[in-house]
Every structure is written in C-alpha cells, then in structure tokens.
PDB file of all heavy atoms in Angstrom:
ATOM      1  N   ALA A   1     123.118 110.179 102.916  1.00  0.00           N
ATOM      2  CA  ALA A   1     123.271 108.797 103.366  1.00  0.00           C
ATOM      3  C   ALA A   1     124.715 108.506 103.625  1.00  0.00           C
ATOM      4  O   ALA A   1     125.655 109.080 103.125  1.00  0.00           O
ATOM      5  CB  ALA A   1     122.766 107.849 102.174  1.00  0.00           C
ATOM      6  N   GLU A   2     124.944 107.479 104.490  1.00  0.00           N
ATOM      7  CA  GLU A   2     126.344 107.163 104.953  1.00  0.00           C
ATOM      8  C   GLU A   2     127.086 106.707 103.712  1.00  0.00           C
ATOM      9  O   GLU A   2     128.296 107.170 103.591  1.00  0.00           O
ATOM     10  CB  GLU A   2     126.232 106.028 105.941  1.00  0.00           C
ATOM     11  CG  GLU A   2     127.589 105.567 106.336  1.00  0.00           C
ATOM     12  CD  GLU A   2     127.590 104.364 107.346  1.00  0.00           C
ATOM     13  OE1 GLU A   2     126.460 104.091 107.902  1.00  0.00           O
ATOM     14  OE2 GLU A   2     128.641 103.797 107.553  1.00  0.00           O
ATOM     15  N   ASN A   3     126.548 105.996 102.784  1.00  0.00           N
ATOM     16  CA  ASN A   3     127.251 105.555 101.645  1.00  0.00           C
ATOM     17  C   ASN A   3     127.694 106.702 100.752  1.00  0.00           C
ATOM     18  O   ASN A   3     128.783 106.679 100.228  1.00  0.00           O
ATOM     19  CB  ASN A   3     126.423 104.500 100.880  1.00  0.00           C
ATOM     20  CG  ASN A   3     127.244 103.757  99.821  1.00  0.00           C
ATOM     21  OD1 ASN A   3     128.393 103.423 100.131  1.00  0.00           O
ATOM     22  ND2 ASN A   3     126.694 103.594  98.660  1.00  0.00           N
ATOM     23  N   ALA A   4     126.837 107.691 100.526  1.00  0.00           N
ATOM     24  CA  ALA A   4     127.096 108.851  99.813  1.00  0.00           C
ATOM     25  C   ALA A   4     128.262 109.656 100.381  1.00  0.00           C
ATOM     26  O   ALA A   4     129.201 110.116  99.680  1.00  0.00           O
ATOM     27  CB  ALA A   4     125.924 109.747  99.567  1.00  0.00           C
ATOM     28  N   VAL A   5     128.296 109.835 101.685  1.00  0.00           N
ATOM     29  CA  VAL A   5     129.390 110.516 102.418  1.00  0.00           C
ATOM     30  C   VAL A   5     130.678 109.697 102.196  1.00  0.00           C
ATOM     31  O   VAL A   5     131.745 110.314 101.943  1.00  0.00           O
ATOM     32  CB  VAL A   5     129.061 110.711 103.874  1.00  0.00           C
ATOM     33  CG1 VAL A   5     130.216 111.293 104.615  1.00  0.00           C
ATOM     34  CG2 VAL A   5     127.854 111.659 104.011  1.00  0.00           C
ATOM     35  N   ARG A   6     130.599 108.432 102.386  1.00  0.00           N
ATOM     36  CA  ARG A   6     131.855 107.592 102.311  1.00  0.00           C
ATOM     37  C   ARG A   6     132.361 107.619 100.861  1.00  0.00           C
ATOM     38  O   ARG A   6     133.631 107.771 100.645  1.00  0.00           O
ATOM     39  CB  ARG A   6     131.541 106.113 102.627  1.00  0.00           C
ATOM     40  CG  ARG A   6     131.363 105.881 104.027  1.00  0.00           C
ATOM     41  CD  ARG A   6     131.006 104.338 104.234  1.00  0.00           C
ATOM     42  NE  ARG A   6     130.740 104.060 105.591  1.00  0.00           N
ATOM     43  CZ  ARG A   6     131.686 103.556 106.443  1.00  0.00           C
ATOM     44  NH1 ARG A   6     132.880 103.367 106.023  1.00  0.00           N
ATOM     45  NH2 ARG A   6     131.376 103.315 107.731  1.00  0.00           N
ATOM     46  N   ILE A   7     131.561 107.599  99.833  1.00  0.00           N
ATOM     47  CA  ILE A   7     132.036 107.686  98.423  1.00  0.00           C
ATOM     48  C   ILE A   7     132.616 109.070  98.138  1.00  0.00           C
ATOM     49  O   ILE A   7     133.735 109.137  97.538  1.00  0.00           O
ATOM     50  CB  ILE A   7     130.804 107.381  97.441  1.00  0.00           C
ATOM     51  CG1 ILE A   7     130.435 105.934  97.563  1.00  0.00           C
ATOM     52  CG2 ILE A   7     131.194 107.855  96.033  1.00  0.00           C
ATOM     53  CD1 ILE A   7     129.243 105.525  96.742  1.00  0.00           C
ATOM     54  N   GLN A   8     131.989 110.123  98.632  1.00  0.00           N
ATOM     55  CA  GLN A   8     132.549 111.474  98.349  1.00  0.00           C
ATOM     56  C   GLN A   8     133.937 111.656  99.045  1.00  0.00           C
ATOM     57  O   GLN A   8     134.831 112.219  98.474  1.00  0.00           O
ATOM     58  CB  GLN A   8     131.596 112.529  98.895  1.00  0.00           C
ATOM     59  CG  GLN A   8     131.988 113.908  98.451  1.00  0.00           C
ATOM     60  CD  GLN A   8     130.937 115.022  98.838  1.00  0.00           C
ATOM     61  OE1 GLN A   8     129.869 114.646  99.236  1.00  0.00           O
ATOM     62  NE2 GLN A   8     131.313 116.198  98.622  1.00  0.00           N
ATOM     63  N   ILE A   9     134.066 111.111 100.206  1.00  0.00           N
ATOM     64  CA  ILE A   9     135.385 111.147 100.916  1.00  0.00           C
ATOM     65  C   ILE A   9     136.364 110.324 100.188  1.00  0.00           C
ATOM     66  O   ILE A   9     137.521 110.746  99.978  1.00  0.00           O
ATOM     67  CB  ILE A   9     135.270 110.832 102.442  1.00  0.00           C
ATOM     68  CG1 ILE A   9     134.548 111.922 103.193  1.00  0.00           C
ATOM     69  CG2 ILE A   9     136.588 110.666 103.038  1.00  0.00           C
ATOM     70  CD1 ILE A   9     134.141 111.521 104.663  1.00  0.00           C
ATOM     71  N   ALA A  10     135.990 109.192  99.768  1.00  0.00           N
ATOM     72  CA  ALA A  10     136.948 108.313  99.066  1.00  0.00           C
ATOM     73  C   ALA A  10     137.364 108.858  97.796  1.00  0.00           C
ATOM     74  O   ALA A  10     138.619 108.848  97.472  1.00  0.00           O
ATOM     75  CB  ALA A  10     136.268 106.887  98.816  1.00  0.00           C
ATOM     76  N   VAL A  11     136.415 109.432  97.007  1.00  0.00           N
ATOM     77  CA  VAL A  11     136.832 110.086  95.760  1.00  0.00           C
ATOM     78  C   VAL A  11     137.803 111.286  95.967  1.00  0.00           C
ATOM     79  O   VAL A  11     138.807 111.418  95.232  1.00  0.00           O
ATOM     80  CB  VAL A  11     135.566 110.559  94.939  1.00  0.00           C
ATOM     81  CG1 VAL A  11     135.926 111.427  93.806  1.00  0.00           C
ATOM     82  CG2 VAL A  11     134.810 109.334  94.466  1.00  0.00           C
ATOM     83  N   ALA A  12     137.495 112.106  96.930  1.00  0.00           N
ATOM     84  CA  ALA A  12     138.372 113.228  97.248  1.00  0.00           C
ATOM     85  C   ALA A  12     139.761 112.737  97.727  1.00  0.00           C
ATOM     86  O   ALA A  12     140.775 113.323  97.381  1.00  0.00           O
ATOM     87  CB  ALA A  12     137.714 114.112  98.360  1.00  0.00           C
ATOM     88  N   LEU A  13     139.808 111.642  98.536  1.00  0.00           N
ATOM     89  CA  LEU A  13     141.054 111.133  98.984  1.00  0.00           C
ATOM     90  C   LEU A  13     141.905 110.580  97.757  1.00  0.00           C
ATOM     91  O   LEU A  13     143.109 110.847  97.658  1.00  0.00           O
ATOM     92  CB  LEU A  13     140.904 109.982  99.987  1.00  0.00           C
ATOM     93  CG  LEU A  13     140.628 110.450 101.415  1.00  0.00           C
ATOM     94  CD1 LEU A  13     140.254 109.323 102.285  1.00  0.00           C
ATOM     95  CD2 LEU A  13     141.845 111.104 101.973  1.00  0.00           C
ATOM     96  N   ILE A  14     141.229 109.920  96.873  1.00  0.00           N
ATOM     97  CA  ILE A  14     141.886 109.334  95.646  1.00  0.00           C
ATOM     98  C   ILE A  14     142.508 110.524  94.866  1.00  0.00           C
ATOM     99  O   ILE A  14     143.616 110.440  94.361  1.00  0.00           O
ATOM    100  CB  ILE A  14     140.915 108.495  94.801  1.00  0.00           C
ATOM    101  CG1 ILE A  14     140.601 107.218  95.569  1.00  0.00           C
ATOM    102  CG2 ILE A  14     141.496 108.179  93.411  1.00  0.00           C
ATOM    103  CD1 ILE A  14     139.502 106.353  94.969  1.00  0.00           C
ATOM    104  N   ALA A  15     141.705 111.592  94.633  1.00  0.00           N
ATOM    105  CA  ALA A  15     142.210 112.699  93.809  1.00  0.00           C
ATOM    106  C   ALA A  15     143.333 113.378  94.542  1.00  0.00           C
ATOM    107  O   ALA A  15     144.335 113.700  93.967  1.00  0.00           O
ATOM    108  CB  ALA A  15     141.033 113.706  93.642  1.00  0.00           C
ATOM    109  N   PHE A  16     143.244 113.491  95.854  1.00  0.00           N
ATOM    110  CA  PHE A  16     144.293 114.060  96.647  1.00  0.00           C
ATOM    111  C   PHE A  16     145.601 113.266  96.525  1.00  0.00           C
ATOM    112  O   PHE A  16     146.690 113.762  96.257  1.00  0.00           O
ATOM    113  CB  PHE A  16     143.911 114.210  98.141  1.00  0.00           C
ATOM    114  CG  PHE A  16     145.025 114.595  99.044  1.00  0.00           C
ATOM    115  CD1 PHE A  16     145.390 115.937  99.131  1.00  0.00           C
ATOM    116  CD2 PHE A  16     145.619 113.711  99.891  1.00  0.00           C
ATOM    117  CE1 PHE A  16     146.468 116.346 100.007  1.00  0.00           C
ATOM    118  CE2 PHE A  16     146.647 114.084 100.720  1.00  0.00           C
ATOM    119  CZ  PHE A  16     146.994 115.482 100.761  1.00  0.00           C
ATOM    120  N   LEU A  17     145.448 111.886  96.657  1.00  0.00           N
ATOM    121  CA  LEU A  17     146.625 111.099  96.574  1.00  0.00           C
ATOM    122  C   LEU A  17     147.272 111.084  95.196  1.00  0.00           C
ATOM    123  O   LEU A  17     148.519 111.067  95.053  1.00  0.00           O
ATOM    124  CB  LEU A  17     146.283 109.632  97.008  1.00  0.00           C
ATOM    125  CG  LEU A  17     146.011 109.528  98.523  1.00  0.00           C
ATOM    126  CD1 LEU A  17     145.452 108.154  98.853  1.00  0.00           C
ATOM    127  CD2 LEU A  17     147.198 109.918  99.407  1.00  0.00           C
ATOM    128  N   LEU A  18     146.398 111.109  94.120  1.00  0.00           N
ATOM    129  CA  LEU A  18     146.924 111.158  92.824  1.00  0.00           C
ATOM    130  C   LEU A  18     147.692 112.481  92.555  1.00  0.00           C
ATOM    131  O   LEU A  18     148.714 112.480  91.878  1.00  0.00           O
ATOM    132  CB  LEU A  18     145.791 110.991  91.776  1.00  0.00           C
ATOM    133  CG  LEU A  18     145.231 109.601  91.611  1.00  0.00           C
ATOM    134  CD1 LEU A  18     143.990 109.629  90.752  1.00  0.00           C
ATOM    135  CD2 LEU A  18     146.271 108.675  91.038  1.00  0.00           C
ATOM    136  N   LEU A  19     147.187 113.557  93.098  1.00  0.00           N
ATOM    137  CA  LEU A  19     147.886 114.804  92.921  1.00  0.00           C
ATOM    138  C   LEU A  19     149.213 114.802  93.634  1.00  0.00           C
ATOM    139  O   LEU A  19     150.227 115.314  93.159  1.00  0.00           O
ATOM    140  CB  LEU A  19     147.069 115.945  93.491  1.00  0.00           C
ATOM    141  CG  LEU A  19     146.106 116.613  92.562  1.00  0.00           C
ATOM    142  CD1 LEU A  19     145.228 117.663  93.180  1.00  0.00           C
ATOM    143  CD2 LEU A  19     146.798 117.290  91.419  1.00  0.00           C
ATOM    144  N   ARG A  20     149.230 114.183  94.863  1.00  0.00           N
ATOM    145  CA  ARG A  20     150.538 114.129  95.604  1.00  0.00           C
ATOM    146  C   ARG A  20     151.489 113.185  94.825  1.00  0.00           C
ATOM    147  O   ARG A  20     152.702 113.564  94.811  1.00  0.00           O
ATOM    148  CB  ARG A  20     150.311 113.603  97.025  1.00  0.00           C
ATOM    149  CG  ARG A  20     149.667 114.563  97.953  1.00  0.00           C
ATOM    150  CD  ARG A  20     150.642 115.773  98.107  1.00  0.00           C
ATOM    151  NE  ARG A  20     150.054 116.724  98.926  1.00  0.00           N
ATOM    152  CZ  ARG A  20     150.662 117.061 100.126  1.00  0.00           C
ATOM    153  NH1 ARG A  20     151.787 116.478 100.545  1.00  0.00           N
ATOM    154  NH2 ARG A  20     150.106 118.015 100.832  1.00  0.00           N
ATOM    155  N   LEU A  21     151.036 112.109  94.284  1.00  0.00           N
ATOM    156  CA  LEU A  21     151.940 111.239  93.583  1.00  0.00           C
ATOM    157  C   LEU A  21     152.489 111.938  92.271  1.00  0.00           C
ATOM    158  O   LEU A  21     153.661 111.824  91.992  1.00  0.00           O
ATOM    159  CB  LEU A  21     151.181 109.940  93.222  1.00  0.00           C
ATOM    160  CG  LEU A  21     151.017 108.943  94.297  1.00  0.00           C
ATOM    161  CD1 LEU A  21     150.130 107.785  93.862  1.00  0.00           C
ATOM    162  CD2 LEU A  21     152.325 108.435  94.850  1.00  0.00           C
ATOM    163  N   ALA A  22     151.609 112.624  91.594  1.00  0.00           N
ATOM    164  CA  ALA A  22     152.001 113.399  90.480  1.00  0.00           C
ATOM    165  C   ALA A  22     153.018 114.473  90.833  1.00  0.00           C
ATOM    166  O   ALA A  22     154.052 114.734  90.095  1.00  0.00           O
ATOM    167  CB  ALA A  22     150.832 113.941  89.711  1.00  0.00           C
ATOM    168  N   GLN A  23     152.735 115.140  91.946  1.00  0.00           N
ATOM    169  CA  GLN A  23     153.669 116.207  92.358  1.00  0.00           C
ATOM    170  C   GLN A  23     155.066 115.588  92.676  1.00  0.00           C
ATOM    171  O   GLN A  23     156.104 116.231  92.429  1.00  0.00           O
ATOM    172  CB  GLN A  23     153.140 116.896  93.508  1.00  0.00           C
ATOM    173  CG  GLN A  23     154.055 118.094  93.953  1.00  0.00           C
ATOM    174  CD  GLN A  23     153.808 118.579  95.323  1.00  0.00           C
ATOM    175  OE1 GLN A  23     153.023 118.014  96.055  1.00  0.00           O
ATOM    176  NE2 GLN A  23     154.502 119.670  95.682  1.00  0.00           N
ATOM    177  N   ALA A  24     155.041 114.377  93.306  1.00  0.00           N
ATOM    178  CA  ALA A  24     156.358 113.814  93.649  1.00  0.00           C
ATOM    179  C   ALA A  24     157.242 113.355  92.502  1.00  0.00           C
ATOM    180  O   ALA A  24     158.441 113.187  92.560  1.00  0.00           O
ATOM    181  CB  ALA A  24     156.099 112.550  94.565  1.00  0.00           C
ATOM    182  N   THR A  25     156.585 113.282  91.246  1.00  0.00           N
ATOM    183  CA  THR A  25     157.386 112.839  90.140  1.00  0.00           C
ATOM    184  C   THR A  25     158.027 113.983  89.394  1.00  0.00           C
ATOM    185  O   THR A  25     158.776 113.814  88.445  1.00  0.00           O
ATOM    186  CB  THR A  25     156.422 112.153  89.098  1.00  0.00           C
ATOM    187  OG1 THR A  25     155.415 113.092  88.612  1.00  0.00           O
ATOM    188  CG2 THR A  25     155.753 110.924  89.732  1.00  0.00           C
ATOM    189  N   GLN A  26     157.818 115.242  89.828  1.00  0.00           N
ATOM    190  CA  GLN A  26     158.331 116.366  89.133  1.00  0.00           C
ATOM    191  C   GLN A  26     159.120 117.239  90.101  1.00  0.00           C
ATOM    192  O   GLN A  26     159.032 117.076  91.315  1.00  0.00           O
ATOM    193  CB  GLN A  26     157.326 117.211  88.439  1.00  0.00           C
ATOM    194  CG  GLN A  26     156.083 117.676  89.388  1.00  0.00           C
ATOM    195  CD  GLN A  26     156.383 118.922  90.105  1.00  0.00           C
ATOM    196  OE1 GLN A  26     156.990 119.818  89.544  1.00  0.00           O
ATOM    197  NE2 GLN A  26     156.034 118.942  91.434  1.00  0.00           N
ATOM    198  N   ASN A  27     159.923 118.171  89.579  1.00  0.00           N
ATOM    199  CA  ASN A  27     160.793 119.001  90.350  1.00  0.00           C
ATOM    200  C   ASN A  27     160.526 120.485  90.218  1.00  0.00           C
ATOM    201  O   ASN A  27     161.154 121.296  90.822  1.00  0.00           O
ATOM    202  CB  ASN A  27     162.257 118.711  90.182  1.00  0.00           C
ATOM    203  CG  ASN A  27     162.647 117.336  90.533  1.00  0.00           C
ATOM    204  OD1 ASN A  27     162.197 116.788  91.596  1.00  0.00           O
ATOM    205  ND2 ASN A  27     163.526 116.685  89.804  1.00  0.00           N
ATOM    206  N   ALA A  28     159.623 120.829  89.310  1.00  0.00           N
ATOM    207  CA  ALA A  28     159.424 122.248  88.953  1.00  0.00           C
ATOM    208  C   ALA A  28     158.646 122.992  90.028  1.00  0.00           C
ATOM    209  O   ALA A  28     158.916 124.171  90.291  1.00  0.00           O
ATOM    210  CB  ALA A  28     158.749 122.346  87.624  1.00  0.00           C
ATOM    211  N   VAL A  29     157.651 122.362  90.592  1.00  0.00           N
ATOM    212  CA  VAL A  29     156.716 123.066  91.543  1.00  0.00           C
ATOM    213  C   VAL A  29     156.891 122.360  92.900  1.00  0.00           C
ATOM    214  O   VAL A  29     156.568 121.138  92.997  1.00  0.00           O
ATOM    215  CB  VAL A  29     155.296 123.084  91.042  1.00  0.00           C
ATOM    216  CG1 VAL A  29     154.394 123.811  92.083  1.00  0.00           C
ATOM    217  CG2 VAL A  29     155.183 123.611  89.708  1.00  0.00           C
ATOM    218  N   HIS A  30     157.290 123.044  93.953  1.00  0.00           N
ATOM    219  CA  HIS A  30     157.419 122.413  95.203  1.00  0.00           C
ATOM    220  C   HIS A  30     156.208 122.500  96.103  1.00  0.00           C
ATOM    221  O   HIS A  30     156.021 121.652  97.008  1.00  0.00           O
ATOM    222  CB  HIS A  30     158.698 123.041  95.934  1.00  0.00           C
ATOM    223  CG  HIS A  30     159.908 122.822  95.190  1.00  0.00           C
ATOM    224  ND1 HIS A  30     160.542 121.575  95.058  1.00  0.00           N
ATOM    225  CD2 HIS A  30     160.796 123.599  94.489  1.00  0.00           C
ATOM    226  CE1 HIS A  30     161.622 121.644  94.316  1.00  0.00           C
ATOM    227  NE2 HIS A  30     161.761 122.892  93.932  1.00  0.00           N
ATOM    228  N   SER A  31     155.358 123.528  95.903  1.00  0.00           N
ATOM    229  CA  SER A  31     154.263 123.678  96.805  1.00  0.00           C
ATOM    230  C   SER A  31     153.032 122.769  96.319  1.00  0.00           C
ATOM    231  O   SER A  31     152.642 122.879  95.111  1.00  0.00           O
ATOM    232  CB  SER A  31     153.754 125.150  96.773  1.00  0.00           C
ATOM    233  OG  SER A  31     152.454 125.247  97.287  1.00  0.00           O
ATOM    234  N   PRO A  32     152.492 122.006  97.214  1.00  0.00           N
ATOM    235  CA  PRO A  32     151.370 121.153  96.742  1.00  0.00           C
ATOM    236  C   PRO A  32     150.129 121.954  96.306  1.00  0.00           C
ATOM    237  O   PRO A  32     149.459 121.622  95.331  1.00  0.00           O
ATOM    238  CB  PRO A  32     150.959 120.354  98.072  1.00  0.00           C
ATOM    239  CG  PRO A  32     152.143 120.408  98.912  1.00  0.00           C
ATOM    240  CD  PRO A  32     152.903 121.708  98.566  1.00  0.00           C
ATOM    241  N   LEU A  33     149.916 123.140  96.933  1.00  0.00           N
ATOM    242  CA  LEU A  33     148.801 123.977  96.571  1.00  0.00           C
ATOM    243  C   LEU A  33     148.970 124.543  95.109  1.00  0.00           C
ATOM    244  O   LEU A  33     148.076 124.550  94.342  1.00  0.00           O
ATOM    245  CB  LEU A  33     148.548 125.031  97.558  1.00  0.00           C
ATOM    246  CG  LEU A  33     147.404 126.024  97.354  1.00  0.00           C
ATOM    247  CD1 LEU A  33     146.099 125.212  97.338  1.00  0.00           C
ATOM    248  CD2 LEU A  33     147.339 127.106  98.356  1.00  0.00           C
ATOM    249  N   VAL A  34     150.193 125.090  94.881  1.00  0.00           N
ATOM    250  CA  VAL A  34     150.462 125.624  93.556  1.00  0.00           C
ATOM    251  C   VAL A  34     150.460 124.551  92.503  1.00  0.00           C
ATOM    252  O   VAL A  34     149.897 124.701  91.412  1.00  0.00           O
ATOM    253  CB  VAL A  34     151.954 126.265  93.586  1.00  0.00           C
ATOM    254  CG1 VAL A  34     152.337 126.727  92.220  1.00  0.00           C
ATOM    255  CG2 VAL A  34     151.877 127.483  94.538  1.00  0.00           C
ATOM    256  N   PHE A  35     150.840 123.365  92.872  1.00  0.00           N
ATOM    257  CA  PHE A  35     150.817 122.203  91.867  1.00  0.00           C
ATOM    258  C   PHE A  35     149.354 121.786  91.576  1.00  0.00           C
ATOM    259  O   PHE A  35     149.053 121.654  90.470  1.00  0.00           O
ATOM    260  CB  PHE A  35     151.571 120.999  92.418  1.00  0.00           C
ATOM    261  CG  PHE A  35     151.678 119.877  91.468  1.00  0.00           C
ATOM    262  CD1 PHE A  35     152.510 119.893  90.319  1.00  0.00           C
ATOM    263  CD2 PHE A  35     150.791 118.806  91.556  1.00  0.00           C
ATOM    264  CE1 PHE A  35     152.572 118.896  89.459  1.00  0.00           C
ATOM    265  CE2 PHE A  35     150.805 117.784  90.656  1.00  0.00           C
ATOM    266  CZ  PHE A  35     151.716 117.792  89.575  1.00  0.00           C
ATOM    267  N   ALA A  36     148.489 121.801  92.609  1.00  0.00           N
ATOM    268  CA  ALA A  36     147.152 121.476  92.398  1.00  0.00           C
ATOM    269  C   ALA A  36     146.504 122.520  91.580  1.00  0.00           C
ATOM    270  O   ALA A  36     145.650 122.156  90.591  1.00  0.00           O
ATOM    271  CB  ALA A  36     146.392 121.360  93.751  1.00  0.00           C
ATOM    272  N   ARG A  37     146.746 123.804  91.758  1.00  0.00           N
ATOM    273  CA  ARG A  37     146.174 124.831  90.904  1.00  0.00           C
ATOM    274  C   ARG A  37     146.674 124.742  89.462  1.00  0.00           C
ATOM    275  O   ARG A  37     145.927 124.940  88.506  1.00  0.00           O
ATOM    276  CB  ARG A  37     146.613 126.136  91.514  1.00  0.00           C
ATOM    277  CG  ARG A  37     145.806 126.543  92.746  1.00  0.00           C
ATOM    278  CD  ARG A  37     146.202 127.879  93.275  1.00  0.00           C
ATOM    279  NE  ARG A  37     145.572 128.153  94.516  1.00  0.00           N
ATOM    280  CZ  ARG A  37     145.986 129.049  95.433  1.00  0.00           C
ATOM    281  NH1 ARG A  37     147.166 129.683  95.197  1.00  0.00           N
ATOM    282  NH2 ARG A  37     145.262 129.221  96.535  1.00  0.00           N
ATOM    283  N   LEU A  38     147.932 124.385  89.322  1.00  0.00           N
ATOM    284  CA  LEU A  38     148.522 124.236  87.920  1.00  0.00           C
ATOM    285  C   LEU A  38     147.818 123.089  87.234  1.00  0.00           C
ATOM    286  O   LEU A  38     147.429 123.218  86.094  1.00  0.00           O
ATOM    287  CB  LEU A  38     149.948 123.994  88.061  1.00  0.00           C
ATOM    288  CG  LEU A  38     150.785 124.042  86.794  1.00  0.00           C
ATOM    289  CD1 LEU A  38     150.728 125.457  86.212  1.00  0.00           C
ATOM    290  CD2 LEU A  38     152.263 123.705  87.165  1.00  0.00           C
ATOM    291  N   VAL A  39     147.626 121.971  87.907  1.00  0.00           N
ATOM    292  CA  VAL A  39     146.912 120.830  87.299  1.00  0.00           C
ATOM    293  C   VAL A  39     145.497 121.212  86.977  1.00  0.00           C
ATOM    294  O   VAL A  39     144.999 120.861  85.905  1.00  0.00           O
ATOM    295  CB  VAL A  39     146.991 119.605  88.170  1.00  0.00           C
ATOM    296  CG1 VAL A  39     146.141 118.490  87.701  1.00  0.00           C
ATOM    297  CG2 VAL A  39     148.362 119.074  88.245  1.00  0.00           C
ATOM    298  N   ARG A  40     144.806 121.824  87.890  1.00  0.00           N
ATOM    299  CA  ARG A  40     143.431 122.245  87.624  1.00  0.00           C
ATOM    300  C   ARG A  40     143.258 123.194  86.378  1.00  0.00           C
ATOM    301  O   ARG A  40     142.334 123.007  85.596  1.00  0.00           O
ATOM    302  CB  ARG A  40     142.842 122.960  88.876  1.00  0.00           C
ATOM    303  CG  ARG A  40     141.344 123.282  88.766  1.00  0.00           C
ATOM    304  CD  ARG A  40     140.756 124.005  89.875  1.00  0.00           C
ATOM    305  NE  ARG A  40     141.368 123.682  91.180  1.00  0.00           N
ATOM    306  CZ  ARG A  40     141.707 124.534  92.149  1.00  0.00           C
ATOM    307  NH1 ARG A  40     141.466 125.825  91.966  1.00  0.00           N
ATOM    308  NH2 ARG A  40     142.222 124.135  93.203  1.00  0.00           N
ATOM    309  N   THR A  41     144.155 124.110  86.311  1.00  0.00           N
ATOM    310  CA  THR A  41     144.033 124.991  85.088  1.00  0.00           C
ATOM    311  C   THR A  41     144.494 124.368  83.810  1.00  0.00           C
ATOM    312  O   THR A  41     144.079 124.769  82.772  1.00  0.00           O
ATOM    313  CB  THR A  41     144.880 126.308  85.296  1.00  0.00           C
ATOM    314  OG1 THR A  41     146.226 125.893  85.527  1.00  0.00           O
ATOM    315  CG2 THR A  41     144.376 127.100  86.489  1.00  0.00           C
ATOM    316  N   ASN A  42     145.306 123.262  83.812  1.00  0.00           N
ATOM    317  CA  ASN A  42     145.759 122.619  82.650  1.00  0.00           C
ATOM    318  C   ASN A  42     145.158 121.261  82.509  1.00  0.00           C
ATOM    319  O   ASN A  42     145.723 120.418  81.731  1.00  0.00           O
ATOM    320  CB  ASN A  42     147.334 122.558  82.674  1.00  0.00           C
ATOM    321  CG  ASN A  42     147.897 123.891  82.566  1.00  0.00           C
ATOM    322  OD1 ASN A  42     147.905 124.553  81.508  1.00  0.00           O
ATOM    323  ND2 ASN A  42     148.470 124.421  83.603  1.00  0.00           N
TER     324      ASN A  42
END
C-alpha cells in the first residue's frame, strides 16, 4: 500500500538522519558507514 511504503521510507530517513546527527557530534569515526556499523553493533 502507498501508506506502508511512505511509512517505511520515512522511518528509514529518520534513522539515517539520526545516525548522521550522532556522527556529527563526535570526532572519533569519520566514515558514515563505519559509524553506522559501530552503532549497530553497540
């Protein structure tokens, strides 16, 4: 359904933006992909 697709994209965008904001607050990991993996494992 259109609503299901919109919700899934919105949730993924929110998660992406939260990860980017969290990455911007730190200086230890510069790569967005490495940072996302680090957050996922921890």
